[in-house]
Amino acid sequence: MSDPKSSVKAMAEKLGTITTLYMHVNGDGSFKAAGEALLKS
């Protein structure tokens, strides 16, 4: 996600999800608190 040319929609489709990634991942590719919690669940 640190690539400014990356498409969030394309990444979500690649991961098989429709969840908005911005809620879980920062622009530099690091996880937000919600992303960390998701990984731990």
PDB file of N, CA and C in Angstrom:
ATOM      1  N   MET A   1       0.811  -1.195   0.000  1.00  0.00           N
ATOM      2  CA  MET A   1       0.000   0.000   0.000  1.00  0.00           C
ATOM      3  C   MET A   1       0.852   1.256   0.000  1.00  0.00           C
ATOM      4  N   SER A   2       2.129   1.147   0.205  1.00  0.00           N
ATOM      5  CA  SER A   2       2.961   2.342   0.212  1.00  0.00           C
ATOM      6  C   SER A   2       3.171   2.900  -1.185  1.00  0.00           C
ATOM      7  N   ASP A   3       2.793   2.153  -2.212  1.00  0.00           N
ATOM      8  CA  ASP A   3       2.898   2.616  -3.593  1.00  0.00           C
ATOM      9  C   ASP A   3       1.696   3.503  -3.905  1.00  0.00           C
ATOM     10  N   PRO A   4       1.925   4.791  -4.189  1.00  0.00           N
ATOM     11  CA  PRO A   4       0.798   5.687  -4.446  1.00  0.00           C
ATOM     12  C   PRO A   4      -0.023   5.302  -5.670  1.00  0.00           C
ATOM     13  N   LYS A   5       0.506   4.452  -6.512  1.00  0.00           N
ATOM     14  CA  LYS A   5      -0.227   4.007  -7.695  1.00  0.00           C
ATOM     15  C   LYS A   5      -1.123   2.808  -7.390  1.00  0.00           C
ATOM     16  N   SER A   6      -1.019   2.263  -6.175  1.00  0.00           N
ATOM     17  CA  SER A   6      -1.823   1.105  -5.796  1.00  0.00           C
ATOM     18  C   SER A   6      -3.299   1.466  -5.766  1.00  0.00           C
ATOM     19  N   SER A   7      -4.109   0.531  -6.186  1.00  0.00           N
ATOM     20  CA  SER A   7      -5.555   0.703  -6.158  1.00  0.00           C
ATOM     21  C   SER A   7      -6.114  -0.071  -4.973  1.00  0.00           C
ATOM     22  N   VAL A   8      -6.800   0.629  -4.090  1.00  0.00           N
ATOM     23  CA  VAL A   8      -7.394  -0.028  -2.925  1.00  0.00           C
ATOM     24  C   VAL A   8      -8.411  -1.066  -3.378  1.00  0.00           C
ATOM     25  N   LYS A   9      -9.185  -0.729  -4.390  1.00  0.00           N
ATOM     26  CA  LYS A   9     -10.183  -1.672  -4.902  1.00  0.00           C
ATOM     27  C   LYS A   9      -9.510  -2.935  -5.425  1.00  0.00           C
ATOM     28  N   ALA A  10      -8.430  -2.782  -6.182  1.00  0.00           N
ATOM     29  CA  ALA A  10      -7.720  -3.943  -6.724  1.00  0.00           C
ATOM     30  C   ALA A  10      -7.120  -4.781  -5.600  1.00  0.00           C
ATOM     31  N   MET A  11      -6.572  -4.131  -4.584  1.00  0.00           N
ATOM     32  CA  MET A  11      -5.987  -4.856  -3.456  1.00  0.00           C
ATOM     33  C   MET A  11      -7.064  -5.631  -2.705  1.00  0.00           C
ATOM     34  N   ALA A  12      -8.214  -5.002  -2.471  1.00  0.00           N
ATOM     35  CA  ALA A  12      -9.312  -5.680  -1.780  1.00  0.00           C
ATOM     36  C   ALA A  12      -9.793  -6.887  -2.574  1.00  0.00           C
ATOM     37  N   GLU A  13      -9.903  -6.736  -3.889  1.00  0.00           N
ATOM     38  CA  GLU A  13     -10.321  -7.859  -4.730  1.00  0.00           C
ATOM     39  C   GLU A  13      -9.293  -8.985  -4.679  1.00  0.00           C
ATOM     40  N   LYS A  14      -8.012  -8.629  -4.682  1.00  0.00           N
ATOM     41  CA  LYS A  14      -6.947  -9.632  -4.615  1.00  0.00           C
ATOM     42  C   LYS A  14      -7.010 -10.408  -3.300  1.00  0.00           C
ATOM     43  N   LEU A  15      -7.355  -9.703  -2.219  1.00  0.00           N
ATOM     44  CA  LEU A  15      -7.458 -10.340  -0.907  1.00  0.00           C
ATOM     45  C   LEU A  15      -8.799 -11.038  -0.702  1.00  0.00           C
ATOM     46  N   GLY A  16      -9.709 -10.880  -1.663  1.00  0.00           N
ATOM     47  CA  GLY A  16     -11.015 -11.526  -1.559  1.00  0.00           C
ATOM     48  C   GLY A  16     -11.928 -10.874  -0.545  1.00  0.00           C
ATOM     49  N   THR A  17     -11.819  -9.568  -0.398  1.00  0.00           N
ATOM     50  CA  THR A  17     -12.637  -8.852   0.572  1.00  0.00           C
ATOM     51  C   THR A  17     -13.249  -7.620  -0.068  1.00  0.00           C
ATOM     52  N   ILE A  18     -14.300  -7.127   0.539  1.00  0.00           N
ATOM     53  CA  ILE A  18     -14.879  -5.868   0.097  1.00  0.00           C
ATOM     54  C   ILE A  18     -14.768  -4.824   1.205  1.00  0.00           C
ATOM     55  N   THR A  19     -14.171  -5.217   2.323  1.00  0.00           N
ATOM     56  CA  THR A  19     -13.978  -4.306   3.440  1.00  0.00           C
ATOM     57  C   THR A  19     -13.021  -3.193   3.047  1.00  0.00           C
ATOM     58  N   THR A  20     -13.323  -2.002   3.441  1.00  0.00           N
ATOM     59  CA  THR A  20     -12.450  -0.877   3.157  1.00  0.00           C
ATOM     60  C   THR A  20     -11.135  -1.051   3.902  1.00  0.00           C
ATOM     61  N   LEU A  21     -10.047  -1.093   3.158  1.00  0.00           N
ATOM     62  CA  LEU A  21      -8.737  -1.314   3.759  1.00  0.00           C
ATOM     63  C   LEU A  21      -8.247  -0.116   4.550  1.00  0.00           C
ATOM     64  N   TYR A  22      -8.724   1.086   4.228  1.00  0.00           N
ATOM     65  CA  TYR A  22      -8.278   2.278   4.941  1.00  0.00           C
ATOM     66  C   TYR A  22      -8.577   2.193   6.429  1.00  0.00           C
ATOM     67  N   MET A  23      -9.569   1.429   6.800  1.00  0.00           N
ATOM     68  CA  MET A  23      -9.925   1.272   8.206  1.00  0.00           C
ATOM     69  C   MET A  23      -8.866   0.459   8.952  1.00  0.00           C
ATOM     70  N   HIS A  24      -8.124  -0.378   8.224  1.00  0.00           N
ATOM     71  CA  HIS A  24      -7.193  -1.304   8.844  1.00  0.00           C
ATOM     72  C   HIS A  24      -5.718  -1.024   8.561  1.00  0.00           C
ATOM     73  N   VAL A  25      -5.429  -0.281   7.488  1.00  0.00           N
ATOM     74  CA  VAL A  25      -4.043  -0.092   7.053  1.00  0.00           C
ATOM     75  C   VAL A  25      -3.756   1.385   6.812  1.00  0.00           C
ATOM     76  N   ASN A  26      -2.589   1.846   7.274  1.00  0.00           N
ATOM     77  CA  ASN A  26      -2.135   3.210   7.002  1.00  0.00           C
ATOM     78  C   ASN A  26      -1.611   3.308   5.580  1.00  0.00           C
ATOM     79  N   GLY A  27      -1.436   4.505   5.101  1.00  0.00           N
ATOM     80  CA  GLY A  27      -0.947   4.738   3.752  1.00  0.00           C
ATOM     81  C   GLY A  27       0.427   4.155   3.489  1.00  0.00           C
ATOM     82  N   ASP A  28       1.237   4.016   4.547  1.00  0.00           N
ATOM     83  CA  ASP A  28       2.585   3.462   4.375  1.00  0.00           C
ATOM     84  C   ASP A  28       2.611   1.941   4.460  1.00  0.00           C
ATOM     85  N   GLY A  29       1.436   1.335   4.629  1.00  0.00           N
ATOM     86  CA  GLY A  29       1.349  -0.123   4.683  1.00  0.00           C
ATOM     87  C   GLY A  29       1.351  -0.701   6.085  1.00  0.00           C
ATOM     88  N   SER A  30       1.600   0.135   7.089  1.00  0.00           N
ATOM     89  CA  SER A  30       1.575  -0.352   8.468  1.00  0.00           C
ATOM     90  C   SER A  30       0.124  -0.496   8.929  1.00  0.00           C
ATOM     91  N   PHE A  31      -0.078  -1.350   9.925  1.00  0.00           N
ATOM     92  CA  PHE A  31      -1.429  -1.604  10.407  1.00  0.00           C
ATOM     93  C   PHE A  31      -1.877  -0.557  11.408  1.00  0.00           C
ATOM     94  N   LYS A  32      -3.147  -0.184  11.318  1.00  0.00           N
ATOM     95  CA  LYS A  32      -3.789   0.643  12.330  1.00  0.00           C
ATOM     96  C   LYS A  32      -4.230  -0.292  13.450  1.00  0.00           C
ATOM     97  N   ALA A  33      -4.752   0.268  14.531  1.00  0.00           N
ATOM     98  CA  ALA A  33      -5.203  -0.543  15.666  1.00  0.00           C
ATOM     99  C   ALA A  33      -6.235  -1.582  15.226  1.00  0.00           C
ATOM    100  N   ALA A  34      -7.143  -1.199  14.348  1.00  0.00           N
ATOM    101  CA  ALA A  34      -8.166  -2.142  13.870  1.00  0.00           C
ATOM    102  C   ALA A  34      -7.533  -3.289  13.093  1.00  0.00           C
ATOM    103  N   GLY A  35      -6.496  -3.009  12.335  1.00  0.00           N
ATOM    104  CA  GLY A  35      -5.791  -4.050  11.593  1.00  0.00           C
ATOM    105  C   GLY A  35      -5.051  -5.000  12.513  1.00  0.00           C
ATOM    106  N   GLU A  36      -4.408  -4.442  13.540  1.00  0.00           N
ATOM    107  CA  GLU A  36      -3.711  -5.271  14.528  1.00  0.00           C
ATOM    108  C   GLU A  36      -4.700  -6.190  15.244  1.00  0.00           C
ATOM    109  N   ALA A  37      -5.852  -5.633  15.620  1.00  0.00           N
ATOM    110  CA  ALA A  37      -6.871  -6.431  16.307  1.00  0.00           C
ATOM    111  C   ALA A  37      -7.379  -7.551  15.412  1.00  0.00           C
ATOM    112  N   LEU A  38      -7.537  -7.264  14.137  1.00  0.00           N
ATOM    113  CA  LEU A  38      -8.002  -8.277  13.195  1.00  0.00           C
ATOM    114  C   LEU A  38      -6.994  -9.411  13.073  1.00  0.00           C
ATOM    115  N   LEU A  39      -5.716  -9.075  13.051  1.00  0.00           N
ATOM    116  CA  LEU A  39      -4.682 -10.107  12.956  1.00  0.00           C
ATOM    117  C   LEU A  39      -4.643 -10.995  14.194  1.00  0.00           C
ATOM    118  N   LYS A  40      -4.949 -10.422  15.341  1.00  0.00           N
ATOM    119  CA  LYS A  40      -4.902 -11.174  16.599  1.00  0.00           C
ATOM    120  C   LYS A  40      -6.145 -12.023  16.822  1.00  0.00           C
ATOM    121  N   SER A  41      -7.203 -11.784  16.041  1.00  0.00           N
ATOM    122  CA  SER A  41      -8.454 -12.530  16.254  1.00  0.00           C
ATOM    123  C   SER A  41      -8.441 -13.860  15.546  1.00  0.00           C
TER     124      SER A  41
END
